[in-house]
Amino acid sequence: MTARHSFLACAFAFMFTGLATSAATAAPALVLDGYTDSSGAITVLHGGESTDPYFAMQALLLAHDNGMDISAPAARFANWLVPFQKPDGTFDRFCRKAGSAWVSCKTADADDSLLAMWMRLIETLPPALQKSPIMVKSRAISRASLDHLYQPSRGIYMVSPVYLHGLFMDNLEVWALADHGEADARKLAAAIHATFWDPVNKRYLVSTQLEQRTQKPAFYPDHVAQVFPLLMGYALPGRDAATHYRDWMREHRAEWLRQGVADYPWGLIAVLAVRQRDTASAACWLRQTVGMRHSARWAVTDEASWQVVTARGVKPAAAGADCN
């Protein structure tokens, strides 16, 4: 486990104080019934016909880093996915028609974060599976592929060999999840701030693309990007994390809680709320998403978030609670 992984584990550990009364008490298991099939593939939606390895691994790692047992679905998913790794180390997204096998149908949205997630997921697997020849080879290919995306001029990672721009949240995921040495981790953290921080507007840009600077900020990606560092354990230079979180919630809480009306409900932020001991906001999220679970606007990451939040003992907010 790298220093960043240790930091993330410690940061999340307090969330589950009281869940187990002794070391012998089993961690709550992540249950993905309806999101996984007999092959081990994990779909984006409940009973869906498409799988995006990014969201599958995001859900698994979110649960793992918040004290849940992912051993069964993670091992089955890893065994399913690894044969699909392309010679250059990257992965595609997959589709199927009813009763047919999974086939590659789209390229990944971003290779950099996906490769970092895959290497991190391998670290969570049982030792025998981690050390199997196919996983050892896969990890080596993934590391080389990620290294190929490094842009020395900026000190950050590009999206892919085709898209030569860098994304703020992707680079945070690479920083948090990929296995860097301590010196390289500090160097990347500094480069992320230097590249994406907008000192005039005092906010992080989401991309190195110049046109992004003139676009009107939207909830995603712009507003989410401002709170995403807290999820990744990234220290905000000159900014206290608790204060930053409170300020973000004061400005965007109502907008976040409305996201499920026309988009996905952003369960990741509910997990962050629990981490920040803001159970009221997490409870509001549970209330606002009643009836959405397993729907067409409920991704596997939202399902993992729901299980993380409820495992902490959070209940939906009462009807009279202020959720604005």
C-alpha atoms as a PDB file:
ATOM      1  CA  MET A   1       0.000   0.000   0.000  1.00  0.00           C
ATOM      2  CA  THR A   2       1.397   3.385  -0.997  1.00  0.00           C
ATOM      3  CA  ALA A   3       1.450   6.422   1.276  1.00  0.00           C
ATOM      4  CA  ARG A   4      -1.549   7.889  -0.543  1.00  0.00           C
ATOM      5  CA  HIS A   5      -3.502   4.660  -0.179  1.00  0.00           C
ATOM      6  CA  SER A   6      -2.673   4.631   3.538  1.00  0.00           C
ATOM      7  CA  PHE A   7      -3.889   8.235   3.807  1.00  0.00           C
ATOM      8  CA  LEU A   8      -7.158   7.438   2.064  1.00  0.00           C
ATOM      9  CA  ALA A   9      -7.703   4.367   4.220  1.00  0.00           C
ATOM     10  CA  CYS A  10      -7.144   6.406   7.398  1.00  0.00           C
ATOM     11  CA  ALA A  11      -9.341   9.230   6.147  1.00  0.00           C
ATOM     12  CA  PHE A  12     -12.238   6.877   5.566  1.00  0.00           C
ATOM     13  CA  ALA A  13     -11.657   4.627   8.566  1.00  0.00           C
ATOM     14  CA  PHE A  14     -13.489   6.789  11.094  1.00  0.00           C
ATOM     15  CA  MET A  15     -16.654   6.543   9.024  1.00  0.00           C
ATOM     16  CA  PHE A  16     -17.105   2.984  10.121  1.00  0.00           C
ATOM     17  CA  THR A  17     -16.295   3.368  13.820  1.00  0.00           C
ATOM     18  CA  GLY A  18     -18.903   1.336  15.633  1.00  0.00           C
ATOM     19  CA  LEU A  19     -19.861  -0.875  12.703  1.00  0.00           C
ATOM     20  CA  ALA A  20     -17.749  -3.710  14.086  1.00  0.00           C
ATOM     21  CA  THR A  21     -17.522  -4.492  17.763  1.00  0.00           C
ATOM     22  CA  SER A  22     -14.547  -6.771  17.377  1.00  0.00           C
ATOM     23  CA  ALA A  23     -11.964  -7.795  14.841  1.00  0.00           C
ATOM     24  CA  ALA A  24     -13.964 -10.958  14.253  1.00  0.00           C
ATOM     25  CA  THR A  25     -17.022  -9.025  13.064  1.00  0.00           C
ATOM     26  CA  ALA A  26     -17.249  -9.255   9.306  1.00  0.00           C
ATOM     27  CA  ALA A  27     -17.244  -6.099   7.222  1.00  0.00           C
ATOM     28  CA  PRO A  28     -20.539  -5.454   5.426  1.00  0.00           C
ATOM     29  CA  ALA A  29     -20.396  -6.992   1.976  1.00  0.00           C
ATOM     30  CA  LEU A  30     -21.069  -4.984  -1.161  1.00  0.00           C
ATOM     31  CA  VAL A  31     -24.068  -6.654  -2.806  1.00  0.00           C
ATOM     32  CA  LEU A  32     -24.395  -6.094  -6.543  1.00  0.00           C
ATOM     33  CA  ASP A  33     -27.344  -8.348  -7.363  1.00  0.00           C
ATOM     34  CA  GLY A  34     -28.758  -7.187 -10.671  1.00  0.00           C
ATOM     35  CA  TYR A  35     -25.565  -5.323 -11.571  1.00  0.00           C
ATOM     36  CA  THR A  36     -23.424  -8.395 -12.153  1.00  0.00           C
ATOM     37  CA  ASP A  37     -23.985 -11.538 -14.167  1.00  0.00           C
ATOM     38  CA  SER A  38     -22.632 -15.068 -14.210  1.00  0.00           C
ATOM     39  CA  SER A  39     -19.559 -13.964 -16.174  1.00  0.00           C
ATOM     40  CA  GLY A  40     -18.510 -11.454 -13.499  1.00  0.00           C
ATOM     41  CA  ALA A  41     -19.209  -8.370 -15.621  1.00  0.00           C
ATOM     42  CA  ILE A  42     -20.650  -5.395 -13.714  1.00  0.00           C
ATOM     43  CA  THR A  43     -23.155  -3.290 -15.605  1.00  0.00           C
ATOM     44  CA  VAL A  44     -23.612   0.461 -15.319  1.00  0.00           C
ATOM     45  CA  LEU A  45     -27.347   0.102 -14.658  1.00  0.00           C
ATOM     46  CA  HIS A  46     -29.406  -2.525 -12.878  1.00  0.00           C
ATOM     47  CA  GLY A  47     -30.121  -5.270 -15.392  1.00  0.00           C
ATOM     48  CA  GLY A  48     -28.278  -3.226 -18.011  1.00  0.00           C
ATOM     49  CA  GLU A  49     -26.798  -4.278 -21.328  1.00  0.00           C
ATOM     50  CA  SER A  50     -23.639  -2.167 -21.129  1.00  0.00           C
ATOM     51  CA  THR A  51     -20.636  -2.164 -18.859  1.00  0.00           C
ATOM     52  CA  ASP A  52     -18.067   0.553 -18.409  1.00  0.00           C
ATOM     53  CA  PRO A  53     -15.036  -0.690 -16.450  1.00  0.00           C
ATOM     54  CA  TYR A  54     -14.524   2.802 -15.043  1.00  0.00           C
ATOM     55  CA  PHE A  55     -17.852   2.856 -13.200  1.00  0.00           C
ATOM     56  CA  ALA A  56     -17.566  -0.776 -12.149  1.00  0.00           C
ATOM     57  CA  MET A  57     -14.179  -0.133 -10.569  1.00  0.00           C
ATOM     58  CA  GLN A  58     -15.250   3.204  -9.125  1.00  0.00           C
ATOM     59  CA  ALA A  59     -18.081   1.426  -7.294  1.00  0.00           C
ATOM     60  CA  LEU A  60     -15.839  -1.391  -6.080  1.00  0.00           C
ATOM     61  CA  LEU A  61     -13.065   0.896  -4.842  1.00  0.00           C
ATOM     62  CA  LEU A  62     -15.516   3.311  -3.222  1.00  0.00           C
ATOM     63  CA  ALA A  63     -16.964   0.436  -1.207  1.00  0.00           C
ATOM     64  CA  HIS A  64     -13.547  -1.020  -0.408  1.00  0.00           C
ATOM     65  CA  ASP A  65     -12.090   2.286   0.795  1.00  0.00           C
ATOM     66  CA  ASN A  66     -15.124   2.781   3.016  1.00  0.00           C
ATOM     67  CA  GLY A  67     -14.786  -0.474   4.888  1.00  0.00           C
ATOM     68  CA  MET A  68     -16.934  -2.825   2.839  1.00  0.00           C
ATOM     69  CA  ASP A  69     -16.034  -6.325   1.700  1.00  0.00           C
ATOM     70  CA  ILE A  70     -15.765  -6.384  -2.103  1.00  0.00           C
ATOM     71  CA  SER A  71     -13.823  -9.641  -2.371  1.00  0.00           C
ATOM     72  CA  ALA A  72     -16.434 -11.671  -4.250  1.00  0.00           C
ATOM     73  CA  PRO A  73     -17.552  -9.179  -6.934  1.00  0.00           C
ATOM     74  CA  ALA A  74     -14.033  -7.740  -7.353  1.00  0.00           C
ATOM     75  CA  ALA A  75     -12.375 -11.097  -8.001  1.00  0.00           C
ATOM     76  CA  ARG A  76     -15.076 -12.163 -10.440  1.00  0.00           C
ATOM     77  CA  PHE A  77     -14.970  -8.821 -12.235  1.00  0.00           C
ATOM     78  CA  ALA A  78     -11.161  -8.818 -12.487  1.00  0.00           C
ATOM     79  CA  ASN A  79     -11.145 -12.338 -13.896  1.00  0.00           C
ATOM     80  CA  TRP A  80     -13.783 -11.300 -16.421  1.00  0.00           C
ATOM     81  CA  LEU A  81     -12.096  -8.059 -17.481  1.00  0.00           C
ATOM     82  CA  VAL A  82      -8.431  -9.000 -17.740  1.00  0.00           C
ATOM     83  CA  PRO A  83      -8.772 -11.049 -20.968  1.00  0.00           C
ATOM     84  CA  PHE A  84     -10.262  -7.967 -22.636  1.00  0.00           C
ATOM     85  CA  GLN A  85      -7.173  -5.820 -21.989  1.00  0.00           C
ATOM     86  CA  LYS A  86      -5.793  -4.632 -25.309  1.00  0.00           C
ATOM     87  CA  PRO A  87      -2.114  -5.021 -26.256  1.00  0.00           C
ATOM     88  CA  ASP A  88      -1.506  -1.332 -25.506  1.00  0.00           C
ATOM     89  CA  GLY A  89      -2.822  -1.849 -21.961  1.00  0.00           C
ATOM     90  CA  THR A  90      -6.110   0.025 -22.360  1.00  0.00           C
ATOM     91  CA  PHE A  91      -9.690  -1.184 -22.001  1.00  0.00           C
ATOM     92  CA  ASP A  92     -12.865  -0.550 -23.937  1.00  0.00           C
ATOM     93  CA  ARG A  93     -16.485  -0.328 -22.865  1.00  0.00           C
ATOM     94  CA  PHE A  94     -18.739  -3.302 -23.604  1.00  0.00           C
ATOM     95  CA  CYS A  95     -22.238  -3.988 -24.858  1.00  0.00           C
ATOM     96  CA  ARG A  96     -24.397  -7.019 -25.452  1.00  0.00           C
ATOM     97  CA  LYS A  97     -27.784  -7.911 -26.789  1.00  0.00           C
ATOM     98  CA  ALA A  98     -30.051 -10.215 -24.808  1.00  0.00           C
ATOM     99  CA  GLY A  99     -28.453 -13.619 -24.484  1.00  0.00           C
ATOM    100  CA  SER A 100     -25.275 -12.707 -26.370  1.00  0.00           C
ATOM    101  CA  ALA A 101     -21.690 -12.425 -25.178  1.00  0.00           C
ATOM    102  CA  TRP A 102     -20.071  -9.160 -24.137  1.00  0.00           C
ATOM    103  CA  VAL A 103     -18.296  -7.377 -26.990  1.00  0.00           C
ATOM    104  CA  SER A 104     -16.233  -4.179 -27.158  1.00  0.00           C
ATOM    105  CA  CYS A 105     -18.442  -1.402 -28.486  1.00  0.00           C
ATOM    106  CA  LYS A 106     -16.851   1.902 -27.402  1.00  0.00           C
ATOM    107  CA  THR A 107     -13.453   3.173 -26.411  1.00  0.00           C
ATOM    108  CA  ALA A 108     -12.975   4.359 -22.846  1.00  0.00           C
ATOM    109  CA  ASP A 109     -13.762   7.970 -21.984  1.00  0.00           C
ATOM    110  CA  ALA A 110     -10.350   8.377 -20.371  1.00  0.00           C
ATOM    111  CA  ASP A 111      -7.480   5.919 -20.309  1.00  0.00           C
ATOM    112  CA  ASP A 112      -5.462   7.623 -17.559  1.00  0.00           C
ATOM    113  CA  SER A 113      -7.927   7.291 -14.685  1.00  0.00           C
ATOM    114  CA  LEU A 114      -9.113   3.873 -15.870  1.00  0.00           C
ATOM    115  CA  LEU A 115      -5.579   2.467 -15.825  1.00  0.00           C
ATOM    116  CA  ALA A 116      -4.977   3.886 -12.349  1.00  0.00           C
ATOM    117  CA  MET A 117      -8.198   2.316 -11.098  1.00  0.00           C
ATOM    118  CA  TRP A 118      -7.337  -1.054 -12.609  1.00  0.00           C
ATOM    119  CA  MET A 119      -3.924  -1.156 -10.946  1.00  0.00           C
ATOM    120  CA  ARG A 120      -5.486  -0.153  -7.644  1.00  0.00           C
ATOM    121  CA  LEU A 121      -8.179  -2.817  -7.965  1.00  0.00           C
ATOM    122  CA  ILE A 122      -5.529  -5.478  -8.531  1.00  0.00           C
ATOM    123  CA  GLU A 123      -3.993  -4.457  -5.195  1.00  0.00           C
ATOM    124  CA  THR A 124      -7.274  -5.268  -3.428  1.00  0.00           C
ATOM    125  CA  LEU A 125      -7.523  -8.809  -4.826  1.00  0.00           C
ATOM    126  CA  PRO A 126      -6.589 -11.927  -2.851  1.00  0.00           C
ATOM    127  CA  PRO A 127      -2.789 -12.441  -2.890  1.00  0.00           C
ATOM    128  CA  ALA A 128      -2.969 -15.579  -5.018  1.00  0.00           C
ATOM    129  CA  LEU A 129      -4.939 -13.757  -7.710  1.00  0.00           C
ATOM    130  CA  GLN A 130      -2.715 -10.659  -7.498  1.00  0.00           C
ATOM    131  CA  LYS A 131       0.345 -12.818  -8.084  1.00  0.00           C
ATOM    132  CA  SER A 132      -1.129 -14.890 -10.904  1.00  0.00           C
ATOM    133  CA  PRO A 133       0.852 -14.523 -14.145  1.00  0.00           C
ATOM    134  CA  ILE A 134      -2.023 -12.881 -15.982  1.00  0.00           C
ATOM    135  CA  MET A 135      -2.495 -10.213 -13.303  1.00  0.00           C
ATOM    136  CA  VAL A 136       1.236  -9.554 -12.924  1.00  0.00           C
ATOM    137  CA  LYS A 137       1.499  -9.099 -16.677  1.00  0.00           C
ATOM    138  CA  SER A 138      -1.632  -6.943 -16.800  1.00  0.00           C
ATOM    139  CA  ARG A 139      -0.360  -4.649 -14.089  1.00  0.00           C
ATOM    140  CA  ALA A 140       2.991  -4.213 -15.860  1.00  0.00           C
ATOM    141  CA  ILE A 141       1.282  -3.398 -19.167  1.00  0.00           C
ATOM    142  CA  SER A 142      -1.062  -0.967 -17.413  1.00  0.00           C
ATOM    143  CA  ARG A 143       1.828   0.810 -15.709  1.00  0.00           C
ATOM    144  CA  ALA A 144       3.669   1.202 -19.021  1.00  0.00           C
ATOM    145  CA  SER A 145       0.496   2.453 -20.715  1.00  0.00           C
ATOM    146  CA  LEU A 146      -0.122   5.017 -17.980  1.00  0.00           C
ATOM    147  CA  ASP A 147       3.503   6.159 -18.103  1.00  0.00           C
ATOM    148  CA  HIS A 148       3.066   6.722 -21.841  1.00  0.00           C
ATOM    149  CA  LEU A 149       0.326   9.263 -21.052  1.00  0.00           C
ATOM    150  CA  TYR A 150       2.577  11.385 -18.866  1.00  0.00           C
ATOM    151  CA  GLN A 151       3.150  14.870 -20.273  1.00  0.00           C
ATOM    152  CA  PRO A 152       6.549  16.110 -19.017  1.00  0.00           C
ATOM    153  CA  SER A 153       5.948  19.714 -20.068  1.00  0.00           C
ATOM    154  CA  ARG A 154       3.078  20.057 -17.575  1.00  0.00           C
ATOM    155  CA  GLY A 155       3.894  17.185 -15.224  1.00  0.00           C
ATOM    156  CA  ILE A 156       0.389  15.700 -15.523  1.00  0.00           C
ATOM    157  CA  TYR A 157      -1.309  12.878 -17.426  1.00  0.00           C
ATOM    158  CA  MET A 158      -3.149  13.175 -20.718  1.00  0.00           C
ATOM    159  CA  VAL A 159      -6.547  11.596 -21.276  1.00  0.00           C
ATOM    160  CA  SER A 160      -5.348   9.159 -23.939  1.00  0.00           C
ATOM    161  CA  PRO A 161      -2.912   8.906 -26.850  1.00  0.00           C
ATOM    162  CA  VAL A 162      -5.658  10.394 -29.032  1.00  0.00           C
ATOM    163  CA  TYR A 163      -6.906  13.175 -26.728  1.00  0.00           C
ATOM    164  CA  LEU A 164      -3.841  15.123 -25.697  1.00  0.00           C
ATOM    165  CA  HIS A 165      -5.395  17.313 -23.047  1.00  0.00           C
ATOM    166  CA  GLY A 166      -5.403  16.740 -19.317  1.00  0.00           C
ATOM    167  CA  LEU A 167      -8.403  16.553 -16.992  1.00  0.00           C
ATOM    168  CA  PHE A 168      -8.318  17.752 -13.400  1.00  0.00           C
ATOM    169  CA  MET A 169     -10.398  14.974 -11.850  1.00  0.00           C
ATOM    170  CA  ASP A 170      -8.640  12.265 -13.859  1.00  0.00           C
ATOM    171  CA  ASN A 171      -5.276  13.460 -12.634  1.00  0.00           C
ATOM    172  CA  LEU A 172      -6.528  13.454  -9.052  1.00  0.00           C
ATOM    173  CA  GLU A 173      -7.549   9.832  -9.515  1.00  0.00           C
ATOM    174  CA  VAL A 174      -4.142   8.964 -10.944  1.00  0.00           C
ATOM    175  CA  TRP A 175      -2.478  10.735  -8.016  1.00  0.00           C
ATOM    176  CA  ALA A 176      -4.635   8.934  -5.449  1.00  0.00           C
ATOM    177  CA  LEU A 177      -4.817   5.477  -6.972  1.00  0.00           C
ATOM    178  CA  ALA A 178      -1.712   4.769  -9.046  1.00  0.00           C
ATOM    179  CA  ASP A 179       1.418   3.416  -7.386  1.00  0.00           C
ATOM    180  CA  HIS A 180       3.862   6.340  -7.420  1.00  0.00           C
ATOM    181  CA  GLY A 181       6.854   6.781  -5.189  1.00  0.00           C
ATOM    182  CA  GLU A 182       6.493   9.461  -2.528  1.00  0.00           C
ATOM    183  CA  ALA A 183       8.627  12.016  -4.374  1.00  0.00           C
ATOM    184  CA  ASP A 184       6.722  11.469  -7.623  1.00  0.00           C
ATOM    185  CA  ALA A 185       3.409  11.777  -5.766  1.00  0.00           C
ATOM    186  CA  ARG A 186       4.413  15.170  -4.343  1.00  0.00           C
ATOM    187  CA  LYS A 187       5.599  16.265  -7.775  1.00  0.00           C
ATOM    188  CA  LEU A 188       2.299  15.244  -9.394  1.00  0.00           C
ATOM    189  CA  ALA A 189       0.251  16.932  -6.656  1.00  0.00           C
ATOM    190  CA  ALA A 190       2.140  20.177  -7.212  1.00  0.00           C
ATOM    191  CA  ALA A 191       1.763  19.909 -10.990  1.00  0.00           C
ATOM    192  CA  ILE A 192      -1.982  19.356 -10.673  1.00  0.00           C
ATOM    193  CA  HIS A 193      -2.346  22.560  -8.675  1.00  0.00           C
ATOM    194  CA  ALA A 194      -0.057  24.542 -10.966  1.00  0.00           C
ATOM    195  CA  THR A 195      -1.873  23.365 -14.091  1.00  0.00           C
ATOM    196  CA  PHE A 196      -5.507  23.589 -13.050  1.00  0.00           C
ATOM    197  CA  TRP A 197      -5.770  26.265 -10.364  1.00  0.00           C
ATOM    198  CA  ASP A 198      -7.311  29.499 -11.648  1.00  0.00           C
ATOM    199  CA  PRO A 199      -5.963  32.199  -9.307  1.00  0.00           C
ATOM    200  CA  VAL A 200      -8.260  34.863 -10.722  1.00  0.00           C
ATOM    201  CA  ASN A 201     -11.523  33.019 -10.072  1.00  0.00           C
ATOM    202  CA  LYS A 202     -10.048  30.951  -7.221  1.00  0.00           C
ATOM    203  CA  ARG A 203     -11.317  27.628  -8.510  1.00  0.00           C
ATOM    204  CA  TYR A 204      -9.977  24.603 -10.309  1.00  0.00           C
ATOM    205  CA  LEU A 205     -10.358  24.353 -14.057  1.00  0.00           C
ATOM    206  CA  VAL A 206     -11.630  20.983 -15.219  1.00  0.00           C
ATOM    207  CA  SER A 207      -9.437  20.688 -18.319  1.00  0.00           C
ATOM    208  CA  THR A 208      -6.362  22.084 -20.008  1.00  0.00           C
ATOM    209  CA  GLN A 209      -8.514  22.828 -23.063  1.00  0.00           C
ATOM    210  CA  LEU A 210      -8.530  26.578 -23.589  1.00  0.00           C
ATOM    211  CA  GLU A 211     -12.215  26.742 -24.513  1.00  0.00           C
ATOM    212  CA  GLN A 212     -13.106  25.422 -21.056  1.00  0.00           C
ATOM    213  CA  ARG A 213     -12.097  28.751 -19.535  1.00  0.00           C
ATOM    214  CA  THR A 214     -14.904  30.614 -21.287  1.00  0.00           C
ATOM    215  CA  GLN A 215     -17.726  28.117 -20.756  1.00  0.00           C
ATOM    216  CA  LYS A 216     -20.414  28.786 -18.167  1.00  0.00           C
ATOM    217  CA  PRO A 217     -19.815  26.556 -15.120  1.00  0.00           C
ATOM    218  CA  ALA A 218     -22.237  23.651 -14.735  1.00  0.00           C
ATOM    219  CA  PHE A 219     -22.836  21.352 -11.788  1.00  0.00           C
ATOM    220  CA  TYR A 220     -20.859  18.669 -13.616  1.00  0.00           C
ATOM    221  CA  PRO A 221     -18.035  18.927 -14.288  1.00  0.00           C
ATOM    222  CA  ASP A 222     -17.280  22.373 -12.877  1.00  0.00           C
ATOM    223  CA  HIS A 223     -18.893  22.427  -9.433  1.00  0.00           C
ATOM    224  CA  VAL A 224     -18.209  18.748  -8.762  1.00  0.00           C
ATOM    225  CA  ALA A 225     -14.551  19.379  -9.573  1.00  0.00           C
ATOM    226  CA  GLN A 226     -14.260  21.848  -6.697  1.00  0.00           C
ATOM    227  CA  VAL A 227     -15.209  19.229  -4.094  1.00  0.00           C
ATOM    228  CA  PHE A 228     -13.646  16.200  -5.800  1.00  0.00           C
ATOM    229  CA  PRO A 229     -10.215  16.774  -4.178  1.00  0.00           C
ATOM    230  CA  LEU A 230     -11.778  16.026  -0.787  1.00  0.00           C
ATOM    231  CA  LEU A 231     -12.956  12.643  -2.044  1.00  0.00           C
ATOM    232  CA  MET A 232      -9.446  11.838  -3.222  1.00  0.00           C
ATOM    233  CA  GLY A 233      -7.686  13.004  -0.064  1.00  0.00           C
ATOM    234  CA  TYR A 234      -5.934  15.784  -1.965  1.00  0.00           C
ATOM    235  CA  ALA A 235      -4.861  18.674   0.233  1.00  0.00           C
ATOM    236  CA  LEU A 236      -6.111  22.023  -0.994  1.00  0.00           C
ATOM    237  CA  PRO A 237      -3.186  24.460  -0.731  1.00  0.00           C
ATOM    238  CA  GLY A 238      -3.956  27.135   1.832  1.00  0.00           C
ATOM    239  CA  ARG A 239      -7.468  25.827   2.395  1.00  0.00           C
ATOM    240  CA  ASP A 240      -8.914  23.850   5.313  1.00  0.00           C
ATOM    241  CA  ALA A 241     -10.842  20.811   4.065  1.00  0.00           C
ATOM    242  CA  ALA A 242     -13.743  21.173   6.513  1.00  0.00           C
ATOM    243  CA  THR A 243     -14.189  24.847   5.695  1.00  0.00           C
ATOM    244  CA  HIS A 244     -13.991  24.160   1.978  1.00  0.00           C
ATOM    245  CA  TYR A 245     -16.626  21.439   2.296  1.00  0.00           C
ATOM    246  CA  ARG A 246     -19.001  23.665   4.288  1.00  0.00           C
ATOM    247  CA  ASP A 247     -18.627  26.497   1.791  1.00  0.00           C
ATOM    248  CA  TRP A 248     -19.281  24.149  -1.128  1.00  0.00           C
ATOM    249  CA  MET A 249     -22.383  22.700   0.518  1.00  0.00           C
ATOM    250  CA  ARG A 250     -23.707  26.143   1.360  1.00  0.00           C
ATOM    251  CA  GLU A 251     -23.499  27.098  -2.312  1.00  0.00           C
ATOM    252  CA  HIS A 252     -24.354  23.832  -4.075  1.00  0.00           C
ATOM    253  CA  ARG A 253     -26.257  21.564  -1.652  1.00  0.00           C
ATOM    254  CA  ALA A 254     -29.709  22.249  -3.075  1.00  0.00           C
ATOM    255  CA  GLU A 255     -28.476  21.860  -6.627  1.00  0.00           C
ATOM    256  CA  TRP A 256     -26.800  18.565  -5.755  1.00  0.00           C
ATOM    257  CA  LEU A 257     -29.931  17.184  -4.107  1.00  0.00           C
ATOM    258  CA  ARG A 258     -31.936  18.020  -7.250  1.00  0.00           C
ATOM    259  CA  GLN A 259     -29.625  16.185  -9.630  1.00  0.00           C
ATOM    260  CA  GLY A 260     -31.644  12.983  -9.566  1.00  0.00           C
ATOM    261  CA  VAL A 261     -34.599  14.728 -11.222  1.00  0.00           C
ATOM    262  CA  ALA A 262     -32.972  14.753 -14.650  1.00  0.00           C
ATOM    263  CA  ASP A 263     -29.548  13.180 -14.133  1.00  0.00           C
ATOM    264  CA  TYR A 264     -27.736  10.745 -11.866  1.00  0.00           C
ATOM    265  CA  PRO A 265     -27.984  11.694  -8.170  1.00  0.00           C
ATOM    266  CA  TRP A 266     -24.255  11.860  -7.409  1.00  0.00           C
ATOM    267  CA  GLY A 267     -24.072   9.414  -4.534  1.00  0.00           C
ATOM    268  CA  LEU A 268     -20.327  10.036  -4.307  1.00  0.00           C
ATOM    269  CA  ILE A 269     -21.087  13.352  -2.645  1.00  0.00           C
ATOM    270  CA  ALA A 270     -23.323  11.620  -0.092  1.00  0.00           C
ATOM    271  CA  VAL A 271     -20.330   9.453   0.834  1.00  0.00           C
ATOM    272  CA  LEU A 272     -18.239  12.590   1.202  1.00  0.00           C
ATOM    273  CA  ALA A 273     -20.938  14.085   3.428  1.00  0.00           C
ATOM    274  CA  VAL A 274     -20.664  11.109   5.773  1.00  0.00           C
ATOM    275  CA  ARG A 275     -16.901  11.441   5.746  1.00  0.00           C
ATOM    276  CA  GLN A 276     -17.279  15.082   6.762  1.00  0.00           C
ATOM    277  CA  ARG A 277     -19.696  14.058   9.537  1.00  0.00           C
ATOM    278  CA  ASP A 278     -22.494  15.858   7.715  1.00  0.00           C
ATOM    279  CA  THR A 279     -25.095  13.146   8.258  1.00  0.00           C
ATOM    280  CA  ALA A 280     -27.921  15.629   7.705  1.00  0.00           C
ATOM    281  CA  SER A 281     -26.942  16.109   4.051  1.00  0.00           C
ATOM    282  CA  ALA A 282     -26.430  12.376   3.568  1.00  0.00           C
ATOM    283  CA  ALA A 283     -29.864  11.768   5.078  1.00  0.00           C
ATOM    284  CA  CYS A 284     -31.365  14.328   2.719  1.00  0.00           C
ATOM    285  CA  TRP A 285     -29.763  12.527  -0.207  1.00  0.00           C
ATOM    286  CA  LEU A 286     -31.343   9.258   0.913  1.00  0.00           C
ATOM    287  CA  ARG A 287     -34.737  10.968   1.170  1.00  0.00           C
ATOM    288  CA  GLN A 288     -34.449  12.681  -2.189  1.00  0.00           C
ATOM    289  CA  THR A 289     -33.516   9.444  -3.952  1.00  0.00           C
ATOM    290  CA  VAL A 290     -36.280   7.270  -2.495  1.00  0.00           C
ATOM    291  CA  GLY A 291     -37.811   5.410  -5.435  1.00  0.00           C
ATOM    292  CA  MET A 292     -34.785   5.981  -7.689  1.00  0.00           C
ATOM    293  CA  ARG A 293     -32.802   2.924  -6.607  1.00  0.00           C
ATOM    294  CA  HIS A 294     -32.178   0.513  -9.510  1.00  0.00           C
ATOM    295  CA  SER A 295     -33.864   2.890 -11.964  1.00  0.00           C
ATOM    296  CA  ALA A 296     -32.486   4.175 -15.266  1.00  0.00           C
ATOM    297  CA  ARG A 297     -30.967   7.139 -13.371  1.00  0.00           C
ATOM    298  CA  TRP A 298     -29.230   5.011 -10.737  1.00  0.00           C
ATOM    299  CA  ALA A 299     -25.712   3.929 -11.721  1.00  0.00           C
ATOM    300  CA  VAL A 300     -23.692   1.233 -10.004  1.00  0.00           C
ATOM    301  CA  THR A 301     -21.655   3.945  -8.261  1.00  0.00           C
ATOM    302  CA  ASP A 302     -24.876   5.305  -6.745  1.00  0.00           C
ATOM    303  CA  GLU A 303     -25.697   1.799  -5.562  1.00  0.00           C
ATOM    304  CA  ALA A 304     -22.301   1.472  -3.887  1.00  0.00           C
ATOM    305  CA  SER A 305     -22.767   4.933  -2.364  1.00  0.00           C
ATOM    306  CA  TRP A 306     -26.199   3.986  -1.023  1.00  0.00           C
ATOM    307  CA  GLN A 307     -24.779   0.865   0.614  1.00  0.00           C
ATOM    308  CA  VAL A 308     -21.857   2.799   2.114  1.00  0.00           C
ATOM    309  CA  VAL A 309     -24.145   5.491   3.558  1.00  0.00           C
ATOM    310  CA  THR A 310     -26.747   3.096   4.947  1.00  0.00           C
ATOM    311  CA  ALA A 311     -24.052   0.825   6.398  1.00  0.00           C
ATOM    312  CA  ARG A 312     -23.002   3.837   8.466  1.00  0.00           C
ATOM    313  CA  GLY A 313     -26.466   3.850   9.987  1.00  0.00           C
ATOM    314  CA  VAL A 314     -27.783   6.930   8.161  1.00  0.00           C
ATOM    315  CA  LYS A 315     -31.546   6.943   7.586  1.00  0.00           C
ATOM    316  CA  PRO A 316     -33.580   9.070   5.149  1.00  0.00           C
ATOM    317  CA  ALA A 317     -34.320  12.533   6.475  1.00  0.00           C
ATOM    318  CA  ALA A 318     -37.732  13.101   8.017  1.00  0.00           C
ATOM    319  CA  ALA A 319     -40.383  14.773   5.912  1.00  0.00           C
ATOM    320  CA  GLY A 320     -39.976  18.041   7.801  1.00  0.00           C
ATOM    321  CA  ALA A 321     -36.179  18.192   7.565  1.00  0.00           C
ATOM    322  CA  ASP A 322     -34.632  21.104   5.668  1.00  0.00           C
ATOM    323  CA  CYS A 323     -33.166  19.605   2.502  1.00  0.00           C
ATOM    324  CA  ASN A 324     -32.749  22.830   0.546  1.00  0.00           C
END
